[in-house]
PDB file of N, CA and C in Angstrom:
ATOM      1  N   GLN A   1     -44.576  -6.062 -58.995  1.00  0.00           N
ATOM      2  CA  GLN A   1     -45.063  -5.162 -58.218  1.00  0.00           C
ATOM      3  C   GLN A   1     -44.890  -5.419 -56.823  1.00  0.00           C
ATOM      4  N   GLU A   2     -44.896  -6.361 -56.194  1.00  0.00           N
ATOM      5  CA  GLU A   2     -44.513  -6.508 -54.648  1.00  0.00           C
ATOM      6  C   GLU A   2     -43.078  -6.661 -54.464  1.00  0.00           C
ATOM      7  N   LYS A   3     -42.465  -6.781 -55.346  1.00  0.00           N
ATOM      8  CA  LYS A   3     -41.304  -6.802 -54.943  1.00  0.00           C
ATOM      9  C   LYS A   3     -40.556  -5.154 -54.922  1.00  0.00           C
ATOM     10  N   LYS A   4     -41.199  -4.589 -55.909  1.00  0.00           N
ATOM     11  CA  LYS A   4     -40.839  -2.946 -55.876  1.00  0.00           C
ATOM     12  C   LYS A   4     -41.279  -2.308 -54.958  1.00  0.00           C
ATOM     13  N   ASN A   5     -42.385  -2.807 -54.196  1.00  0.00           N
ATOM     14  CA  ASN A   5     -42.426  -2.199 -53.201  1.00  0.00           C
ATOM     15  C   ASN A   5     -41.905  -2.428 -51.577  1.00  0.00           C
ATOM     16  N   SER A   6     -41.069  -3.805 -51.560  1.00  0.00           N
ATOM     17  CA  SER A   6     -41.075  -4.232 -50.497  1.00  0.00           C
ATOM     18  C   SER A   6     -39.421  -3.536 -50.643  1.00  0.00           C
ATOM     19  N   HIS A   7     -38.694  -3.221 -51.500  1.00  0.00           N
ATOM     20  CA  HIS A   7     -37.732  -2.581 -52.291  1.00  0.00           C
ATOM     21  C   HIS A   7     -37.478  -1.023 -51.546  1.00  0.00           C
ATOM     22  N   ILE A   8     -39.148  -0.278 -51.876  1.00  0.00           N
ATOM     23  CA  ILE A   8     -39.252   0.801 -51.296  1.00  0.00           C
ATOM     24  C   ILE A   8     -39.083   1.735 -50.030  1.00  0.00           C
ATOM     25  N   PHE A   9     -40.048   0.192 -49.209  1.00  0.00           N
ATOM     26  CA  PHE A   9     -39.824   0.697 -47.991  1.00  0.00           C
ATOM     27  C   PHE A   9     -38.241  -0.323 -46.850  1.00  0.00           C
ATOM     28  N   SER A  10     -37.949  -1.001 -48.043  1.00  0.00           N
ATOM     29  CA  SER A  10     -36.521  -1.182 -47.398  1.00  0.00           C
ATOM     30  C   SER A  10     -35.401  -0.294 -47.552  1.00  0.00           C
ATOM     31  N   ILE A  11     -35.498   0.496 -48.453  1.00  0.00           N
ATOM     32  CA  ILE A  11     -34.953   1.938 -49.116  1.00  0.00           C
ATOM     33  C   ILE A  11     -35.028   3.042 -47.707  1.00  0.00           C
ATOM     34  N   ALA A  12     -36.284   3.095 -47.676  1.00  0.00           N
ATOM     35  CA  ALA A  12     -37.188   3.825 -46.717  1.00  0.00           C
ATOM     36  C   ALA A  12     -36.921   3.446 -45.181  1.00  0.00           C
ATOM     37  N   GLY A  13     -36.527   2.196 -44.945  1.00  0.00           N
ATOM     38  CA  GLY A  13     -35.896   1.988 -43.456  1.00  0.00           C
ATOM     39  C   GLY A  13     -35.016   2.408 -43.362  1.00  0.00           C
ATOM     40  N   TRP A  14     -33.688   2.217 -44.127  1.00  0.00           N
ATOM     41  CA  TRP A  14     -32.455   2.148 -43.868  1.00  0.00           C
ATOM     42  C   TRP A  14     -32.135   3.907 -44.302  1.00  0.00           C
ATOM     43  N   LEU A  15     -32.787   4.841 -44.867  1.00  0.00           N
ATOM     44  CA  LEU A  15     -32.874   5.828 -44.410  1.00  0.00           C
ATOM     45  C   LEU A  15     -33.272   6.301 -43.012  1.00  0.00           C
ATOM     46  N   VAL A  16     -34.333   6.106 -42.977  1.00  0.00           N
ATOM     47  CA  VAL A  16     -34.868   6.563 -41.438  1.00  0.00           C
ATOM     48  C   VAL A  16     -33.663   5.600 -40.579  1.00  0.00           C
ATOM     49  N   PHE A  17     -33.008   4.701 -40.407  1.00  0.00           N
ATOM     50  CA  PHE A  17     -31.984   4.205 -39.491  1.00  0.00           C
ATOM     51  C   PHE A  17     -31.166   4.984 -39.691  1.00  0.00           C
ATOM     52  N   LEU A  18     -30.142   5.725 -41.172  1.00  0.00           N
ATOM     53  CA  LEU A  18     -29.273   6.685 -41.353  1.00  0.00           C
ATOM     54  C   LEU A  18     -29.065   8.083 -40.479  1.00  0.00           C
ATOM     55  N   VAL A  19     -30.835   8.374 -40.861  1.00  0.00           N
ATOM     56  CA  VAL A  19     -30.764  10.152 -40.536  1.00  0.00           C
ATOM     57  C   VAL A  19     -30.897  10.037 -38.972  1.00  0.00           C
ATOM     58  N   ALA A  20     -31.148   8.584 -38.169  1.00  0.00           N
ATOM     59  CA  ALA A  20     -31.299   8.746 -36.464  1.00  0.00           C
ATOM     60  C   ALA A  20     -29.982   8.466 -36.103  1.00  0.00           C
ATOM     61  N   ALA A  21     -28.524   8.200 -36.937  1.00  0.00           N
ATOM     62  CA  ALA A  21     -28.003   7.583 -36.026  1.00  0.00           C
ATOM     63  C   ALA A  21     -26.863   8.863 -36.606  1.00  0.00           C
ATOM     64  N   ALA A  22     -27.549   9.388 -37.829  1.00  0.00           N
ATOM     65  CA  ALA A  22     -26.811  10.731 -37.881  1.00  0.00           C
ATOM     66  C   ALA A  22     -26.974  11.946 -36.896  1.00  0.00           C
ATOM     67  N   ALA A  23     -28.435  12.057 -36.603  1.00  0.00           N
ATOM     68  CA  ALA A  23     -28.911  12.772 -35.471  1.00  0.00           C
ATOM     69  C   ALA A  23     -28.034  12.608 -33.954  1.00  0.00           C
ATOM     70  N   ALA A  24     -27.984  11.227 -33.593  1.00  0.00           N
ATOM     71  CA  ALA A  24     -27.484  10.321 -32.579  1.00  0.00           C
ATOM     72  C   ALA A  24     -26.031  11.126 -32.635  1.00  0.00           C
ATOM     73  N   VAL A  25     -25.473  11.293 -33.622  1.00  0.00           N
ATOM     74  CA  VAL A  25     -23.806  11.240 -33.607  1.00  0.00           C
ATOM     75  C   VAL A  25     -23.504  12.634 -33.629  1.00  0.00           C
ATOM     76  N   TYR A  26     -24.592  13.716 -33.722  1.00  0.00           N
ATOM     77  CA  TYR A  26     -24.366  15.340 -33.936  1.00  0.00           C
ATOM     78  C   TYR A  26     -24.732  15.491 -32.386  1.00  0.00           C
ATOM     79  N   TYR A  27     -25.564  14.684 -31.875  1.00  0.00           N
ATOM     80  CA  TYR A  27     -26.332  15.722 -30.318  1.00  0.00           C
ATOM     81  C   TYR A  27     -25.178  14.925 -29.727  1.00  0.00           C
ATOM     82  N   LEU A  28     -24.543  13.565 -29.548  1.00  0.00           N
ATOM     83  CA  LEU A  28     -23.648  13.216 -28.673  1.00  0.00           C
ATOM     84  C   LEU A  28     -21.785  13.691 -28.979  1.00  0.00           C
ATOM     85  N   PHE A  29     -21.602  13.979 -30.087  1.00  0.00           N
ATOM     86  CA  PHE A  29     -20.312  14.419 -30.030  1.00  0.00           C
ATOM     87  C   PHE A  29     -20.238  16.109 -30.685  1.00  0.00           C
ATOM     88  N   PHE A  30     -21.283  16.937 -31.216  1.00  0.00           N
ATOM     89  CA  PHE A  30     -20.967  18.140 -31.781  1.00  0.00           C
ATOM     90  C   PHE A  30     -21.934  19.064 -31.277  1.00  0.00           C
ATOM     91  N   ALA A  31     -23.072  18.991 -30.914  1.00  0.00           N
ATOM     92  CA  ALA A  31     -24.167  19.886 -30.614  1.00  0.00           C
ATOM     93  C   ALA A  31     -23.536  20.562 -29.047  1.00  0.00           C
ATOM     94  N   PRO A  32     -23.820  21.787 -29.065  1.00  0.00           N
ATOM     95  CA  PRO A  32     -23.310  22.741 -27.996  1.00  0.00           C
ATOM     96  C   PRO A  32     -23.526  22.086 -26.498  1.00  0.00           C
ATOM     97  N   ALA A  33     -22.940  21.908 -25.259  1.00  0.00           N
ATOM     98  CA  ALA A  33     -23.864  21.521 -24.157  1.00  0.00           C
ATOM     99  C   ALA A  33     -24.581  22.902 -23.553  1.00  0.00           C
ATOM    100  N   PRO A  34     -25.700  22.346 -23.350  1.00  0.00           N
ATOM    101  CA  PRO A  34     -26.258  23.147 -22.385  1.00  0.00           C
ATOM    102  C   PRO A  34     -25.506  23.743 -20.769  1.00  0.00           C
ATOM    103  N   SER A  35     -25.808  25.055 -21.303  1.00  0.00           N
ATOM    104  CA  SER A  35     -24.972  25.444 -19.729  1.00  0.00           C
ATOM    105  C   SER A  35     -26.063  25.571 -19.098  1.00  0.00           C
ATOM    106  N   VAL A  36     -25.819  25.081 -17.693  1.00  0.00           N
ATOM    107  CA  VAL A  36     -26.532  25.482 -16.270  1.00  0.00           C
ATOM    108  C   VAL A  36     -25.695  26.179 -15.477  1.00  0.00           C
ATOM    109  N   THR A  37     -26.679  27.587 -15.157  1.00  0.00           N
ATOM    110  CA  THR A  37     -26.224  28.590 -13.952  1.00  0.00           C
ATOM    111  C   THR A  37     -26.827  28.150 -12.302  1.00  0.00           C
ATOM    112  N   LEU A  38     -25.766  28.428 -11.714  1.00  0.00           N
ATOM    113  CA  LEU A  38     -26.070  27.846 -10.357  1.00  0.00           C
ATOM    114  C   LEU A  38     -26.085  29.158  -9.888  1.00  0.00           C
ATOM    115  N   PRO A  39     -27.309  29.503  -8.833  1.00  0.00           N
ATOM    116  CA  PRO A  39     -27.112  30.953  -8.260  1.00  0.00           C
ATOM    117  C   PRO A  39     -25.737  30.098  -7.065  1.00  0.00           C
ATOM    118  N   ALA A  40     -25.275  31.719  -6.889  1.00  0.00           N
ATOM    119  CA  ALA A  40     -24.209  31.355  -5.439  1.00  0.00           C
ATOM    120  C   ALA A  40     -25.062  31.211  -4.113  1.00  0.00           C
ATOM    121  N   SER A  41     -25.023  30.491  -3.248  1.00  0.00           N
ATOM    122  CA  SER A  41     -25.574  30.314  -1.760  1.00  0.00           C
ATOM    123  C   SER A  41     -25.249  31.292  -1.389  1.00  0.00           C
ATOM    124  N   GLY A  42     -25.914  31.317  -0.177  1.00  0.00           N
ATOM    125  CA  GLY A  42     -26.187  32.483   1.170  1.00  0.00           C
ATOM    126  C   GLY A  42     -24.882  31.901   1.933  1.00  0.00           C
ATOM    127  N   GLY A  43     -24.210  30.753   1.822  1.00  0.00           N
ATOM    128  CA  GLY A  43     -23.970  30.028   2.784  1.00  0.00           C
ATOM    129  C   GLY A  43     -22.056  30.746   2.962  1.00  0.00           C
ATOM    130  N   LEU A  44     -21.885  31.289   1.296  1.00  0.00           N
ATOM    131  CA  LEU A  44     -20.494  31.588   1.306  1.00  0.00           C
ATOM    132  C   LEU A  44     -20.073  32.980   1.751  1.00  0.00           C
ATOM    133  N   SER A  45     -20.886  33.624   2.497  1.00  0.00           N
ATOM    134  CA  SER A  45     -20.413  34.784   3.099  1.00  0.00           C
ATOM    135  C   SER A  45     -20.634  34.691   4.544  1.00  0.00           C
ATOM    136  N   THR A  46     -20.685  33.534   5.040  1.00  0.00           N
ATOM    137  CA  THR A  46     -20.898  33.055   6.492  1.00  0.00           C
ATOM    138  C   THR A  46     -19.183  32.413   6.845  1.00  0.00           C
ATOM    139  N   ILE A  47     -18.539  32.113   5.519  1.00  0.00           N
ATOM    140  CA  ILE A  47     -17.628  31.076   5.718  1.00  0.00           C
ATOM    141  C   ILE A  47     -16.254  32.188   5.878  1.00  0.00           C
ATOM    142  N   ALA A  48     -16.855  33.462   4.948  1.00  0.00           N
ATOM    143  CA  ALA A  48     -15.732  34.549   4.486  1.00  0.00           C
ATOM    144  C   ALA A  48     -14.546  34.591   6.160  1.00  0.00           C
ATOM    145  N   PRO A  49     -15.409  34.778   7.593  1.00  0.00           N
ATOM    146  CA  PRO A  49     -14.454  35.158   8.315  1.00  0.00           C
ATOM    147  C   PRO A  49     -13.911  33.959   8.669  1.00  0.00           C
ATOM    148  N   LEU A  50     -14.539  32.866   8.393  1.00  0.00           N
ATOM    149  CA  LEU A  50     -12.902  31.822   8.848  1.00  0.00           C
ATOM    150  C   LEU A  50     -11.852  31.664   8.384  1.00  0.00           C
ATOM    151  N   THR A  51     -11.679  32.044   6.805  1.00  0.00           N
ATOM    152  CA  THR A  51     -10.776  31.786   6.109  1.00  0.00           C
ATOM    153  C   THR A  51      -9.838  33.383   6.774  1.00  0.00           C
ATOM    154  N   GLN A  52     -10.050  34.137   7.566  1.00  0.00           N
ATOM    155  CA  GLN A  52      -9.285  34.881   7.883  1.00  0.00           C
ATOM    156  C   GLN A  52      -8.975  34.980   9.481  1.00  0.00           C
ATOM    157  N   SER A  53      -9.357  34.210  10.025  1.00  0.00           N
ATOM    158  CA  SER A  53      -8.631  34.001  11.315  1.00  0.00           C
ATOM    159  C   SER A  53      -7.625  33.873  11.690  1.00  0.00           C
ATOM    160  N   PRO A  54      -6.895  34.582  13.176  1.00  0.00           N
ATOM    161  CA  PRO A  54      -5.646  34.869  13.131  1.00  0.00           C
ATOM    162  C   PRO A  54      -5.026  33.210  13.711  1.00  0.00           C
ATOM    163  N   VAL A  55      -5.832  32.054  13.627  1.00  0.00           N
ATOM    164  CA  VAL A  55      -5.156  30.561  14.444  1.00  0.00           C
ATOM    165  C   VAL A  55      -3.381  30.583  13.446  1.00  0.00           C
ATOM    166  N   GLN A  56      -2.814  30.484  14.428  1.00  0.00           N
ATOM    167  CA  GLN A  56      -1.249  29.858  13.677  1.00  0.00           C
ATOM    168  C   GLN A  56      -1.179  28.381  13.916  1.00  0.00           C
ATOM    169  N   PRO A  57      -0.932  27.919  13.103  1.00  0.00           N
ATOM    170  CA  PRO A  57      -0.361  26.204  13.597  1.00  0.00           C
ATOM    171  C   PRO A  57       0.473  26.100  14.321  1.00  0.00           C
ATOM    172  N   GLN A  58       1.211  26.633  14.986  1.00  0.00           N
ATOM    173  CA  GLN A  58       2.344  26.568  15.784  1.00  0.00           C
ATOM    174  C   GLN A  58       1.762  26.990  17.394  1.00  0.00           C
ATOM    175  N   ASP A  59       0.677  27.199  17.667  1.00  0.00           N
ATOM    176  CA  ASP A  59       0.180  27.554  18.686  1.00  0.00           C
ATOM    177  C   ASP A  59      -0.725  26.410  19.008  1.00  0.00           C
ATOM    178  N   VAL A  60      -1.433  25.799  17.571  1.00  0.00           N
ATOM    179  CA  VAL A  60      -2.157  24.524  17.688  1.00  0.00           C
ATOM    180  C   VAL A  60      -1.219  23.495  18.768  1.00  0.00           C
ATOM    181  N   GLU A  61      -0.306  23.527  17.770  1.00  0.00           N
ATOM    182  CA  GLU A  61       0.775  22.193  17.939  1.00  0.00           C
ATOM    183  C   GLU A  61       1.106  22.540  19.896  1.00  0.00           C
ATOM    184  N   ASN A  62       1.289  23.467  19.918  1.00  0.00           N
ATOM    185  CA  ASN A  62       2.059  23.733  21.847  1.00  0.00           C
ATOM    186  C   ASN A  62       0.966  23.775  22.613  1.00  0.00           C
ATOM    187  N   SER A  63      -0.366  23.756  22.071  1.00  0.00           N
ATOM    188  CA  SER A  63      -1.012  24.279  23.049  1.00  0.00           C
ATOM    189  C   SER A  63      -1.055  23.067  24.265  1.00  0.00           C
ATOM    190  N   ALA A  64      -1.691  23.232  25.365  1.00  0.00           N
ATOM    191  CA  ALA A  64      -1.628  22.435  26.332  1.00  0.00           C
ATOM    192  C   ALA A  64      -2.381  21.490  26.300  1.00  0.00           C
ATOM    193  N   ALA A  65      -3.986  21.447  25.725  1.00  0.00           N
ATOM    194  CA  ALA A  65      -5.258  20.622  25.106  1.00  0.00           C
ATOM    195  C   ALA A  65      -4.793  19.887  24.763  1.00  0.00           C
ATOM    196  N   LEU A  66      -3.471  20.018  23.605  1.00  0.00           N
ATOM    197  CA  LEU A  66      -3.302  19.194  22.048  1.00  0.00           C
ATOM    198  C   LEU A  66      -2.401  18.383  23.186  1.00  0.00           C
ATOM    199  N   GLN A  67      -1.320  18.552  24.401  1.00  0.00           N
ATOM    200  CA  GLN A  67      -0.428  17.992  24.588  1.00  0.00           C
ATOM    201  C   GLN A  67      -0.729  16.831  25.385  1.00  0.00           C
ATOM    202  N   ALA A  68      -2.339  17.392  26.053  1.00  0.00           N
ATOM    203  CA  ALA A  68      -2.647  16.729  27.100  1.00  0.00           C
ATOM    204  C   ALA A  68      -3.792  15.505  26.798  1.00  0.00           C
ATOM    205  N   LEU A  69      -3.824  15.300  25.215  1.00  0.00           N
ATOM    206  CA  LEU A  69      -4.280  14.125  24.471  1.00  0.00           C
ATOM    207  C   LEU A  69      -3.165  13.023  24.360  1.00  0.00           C
ATOM    208  N   HIS A  70      -4.012  11.797  24.750  1.00  0.00           N
ATOM    209  CA  HIS A  70      -3.199  10.659  24.841  1.00  0.00           C
ATOM    210  C   HIS A  70      -3.838   9.602  23.429  1.00  0.00           C
ATOM    211  N   SER A  71      -3.355   8.556  23.039  1.00  0.00           N
ATOM    212  CA  SER A  71      -3.661   7.619  22.622  1.00  0.00           C
ATOM    213  C   SER A  71      -4.222   6.692  23.493  1.00  0.00           C
ATOM    214  N   THR A  72      -5.426   6.298  23.141  1.00  0.00           N
ATOM    215  CA  THR A  72      -6.074   4.756  23.510  1.00  0.00           C
ATOM    216  C   THR A  72      -5.731   3.781  23.171  1.00  0.00           C
ATOM    217  N   VAL A  73      -5.655   3.604  21.982  1.00  0.00           N
ATOM    218  CA  VAL A  73      -5.081   2.059  20.982  1.00  0.00           C
ATOM    219  C   VAL A  73      -3.729   2.015  21.026  1.00  0.00           C
ATOM    220  N   PRO A  74      -2.820   1.279  21.512  1.00  0.00           N
ATOM    221  CA  PRO A  74      -1.551   1.042  21.380  1.00  0.00           C
ATOM    222  C   PRO A  74      -1.160   0.772  19.759  1.00  0.00           C
ATOM    223  N   ALA A  75       0.001   1.567  19.647  1.00  0.00           N
ATOM    224  CA  ALA A  75       0.502   1.201  18.430  1.00  0.00           C
ATOM    225  C   ALA A  75       0.903  -0.154  17.991  1.00  0.00           C
ATOM    226  N   PRO A  76       0.691  -0.826  16.837  1.00  0.00           N
ATOM    227  CA  PRO A  76       0.377  -1.826  16.665  1.00  0.00           C
ATOM    228  C   PRO A  76       2.340  -2.498  16.591  1.00  0.00           C
ATOM    229  N   THR A  77       2.606  -3.938  17.152  1.00  0.00           N
ATOM    230  CA  THR A  77       4.315  -4.024  17.040  1.00  0.00           C
ATOM    231  C   THR A  77       4.128  -5.620  16.742  1.00  0.00           C
ATOM    232  N   SER A  78       5.435  -5.693  16.000  1.00  0.00           N
ATOM    233  CA  SER A  78       5.854  -7.111  15.514  1.00  0.00           C
ATOM    234  C   SER A  78       5.315  -8.175  16.464  1.00  0.00           C
ATOM    235  N   THR A  79       5.636  -7.935  18.007  1.00  0.00           N
ATOM    236  CA  THR A  79       5.521  -8.390  18.528  1.00  0.00           C
ATOM    237  C   THR A  79       4.759  -8.041  19.919  1.00  0.00           C
ATOM    238  N   GLY A  80       3.846  -9.302  20.741  1.00  0.00           N
ATOM    239  CA  GLY A  80       2.953  -8.630  21.343  1.00  0.00           C
ATOM    240  C   GLY A  80       1.962  -8.953  21.229  1.00  0.00           C
ATOM    241  N   PRO A  81       0.485  -8.404  22.292  1.00  0.00           N
ATOM    242  CA  PRO A  81      -0.697  -9.320  22.632  1.00  0.00           C
ATOM    243  C   PRO A  81      -1.138  -8.154  21.533  1.00  0.00           C
ATOM    244  N   VAL A  82      -0.726  -6.831  20.463  1.00  0.00           N
ATOM    245  CA  VAL A  82      -1.364  -5.957  19.669  1.00  0.00           C
ATOM    246  C   VAL A  82      -1.632  -6.688  18.314  1.00  0.00           C
ATOM    247  N   SER A  83      -0.351  -7.374  18.220  1.00  0.00           N
ATOM    248  CA  SER A  83       0.196  -8.150  16.802  1.00  0.00           C
ATOM    249  C   SER A  83      -1.297  -8.891  16.019  1.00  0.00           C
ATOM    250  N   VAL A  84      -1.366  -8.439  15.445  1.00  0.00           N
ATOM    251  CA  VAL A  84      -2.659  -9.610  14.786  1.00  0.00           C
ATOM    252  C   VAL A  84      -2.510  -9.860  13.601  1.00  0.00           C
ATOM    253  N   GLY A  85      -2.660 -11.372  13.328  1.00  0.00           N
ATOM    254  CA  GLY A  85      -2.567 -12.001  11.819  1.00  0.00           C
ATOM    255  C   GLY A  85      -0.638 -12.141  11.226  1.00  0.00           C
ATOM    256  N   ARG A  86      -0.454 -12.919  10.336  1.00  0.00           N
ATOM    257  CA  ARG A  86       1.122 -13.130  10.182  1.00  0.00           C
ATOM    258  C   ARG A  86       1.919 -11.862  10.172  1.00  0.00           C
ATOM    259  N   SER A  87       3.156 -12.542  10.194  1.00  0.00           N
ATOM    260  CA  SER A  87       4.216 -11.028  10.245  1.00  0.00           C
ATOM    261  C   SER A  87       4.367 -10.730   8.736  1.00  0.00           C
ATOM    262  N   ASN A  88       4.797  -9.126   8.186  1.00  0.00           N
ATOM    263  CA  ASN A  88       5.287  -9.210   7.226  1.00  0.00           C
ATOM    264  C   ASN A  88       6.481  -9.611   6.266  1.00  0.00           C
ATOM    265  N   PRO A  89       6.381 -10.350   5.507  1.00  0.00           N
ATOM    266  CA  PRO A  89       7.589 -11.114   5.220  1.00  0.00           C
ATOM    267  C   PRO A  89       8.917  -9.863   4.698  1.00  0.00           C
ATOM    268  N   PHE A  90       7.819  -8.721   4.040  1.00  0.00           N
ATOM    269  CA  PHE A  90       8.657  -7.736   3.369  1.00  0.00           C
ATOM    270  C   PHE A  90       9.517  -6.790   4.617  1.00  0.00           C
ATOM    271  N   ILE A  91       9.260  -6.770   5.597  1.00  0.00           N
ATOM    272  CA  ILE A  91      10.170  -6.253   6.347  1.00  0.00           C
ATOM    273  C   ILE A  91      11.131  -7.096   7.033  1.00  0.00           C
ATOM    274  N   ALA A  92      12.602  -6.476   7.153  1.00  0.00           N
ATOM    275  CA  ALA A  92      13.605  -7.326   7.762  1.00  0.00           C
ATOM    276  C   ALA A  92      13.568  -7.212   9.205  1.00  0.00           C
ATOM    277  N   PRO A  93      13.637  -8.141   9.579  1.00  0.00           N
ATOM    278  CA  PRO A  93      13.784  -8.063  11.110  1.00  0.00           C
ATOM    279  C   PRO A  93      14.987  -7.668  11.743  1.00  0.00           C
TER     280      PRO A  93
END
């Protein structure tokens, strides 16, 4: 009698496990993904005039303000006070 009851509980436990595993597989792989609707933010309407600006890249590159800028950090060289660390062995001398 006792052995029969433990056998029934063993089968019931396996059935619960299999049902839980099948439900997990279904929700992970086959259930449709919930859709989320996000309302459009009001900031998009304020960006629209910027996309229609008459700025030309050539005008910016040739402007006096851009030409007046200069680099404050010198470019690193293989020799000189700016070089730091070992020389690169893959660059031909």
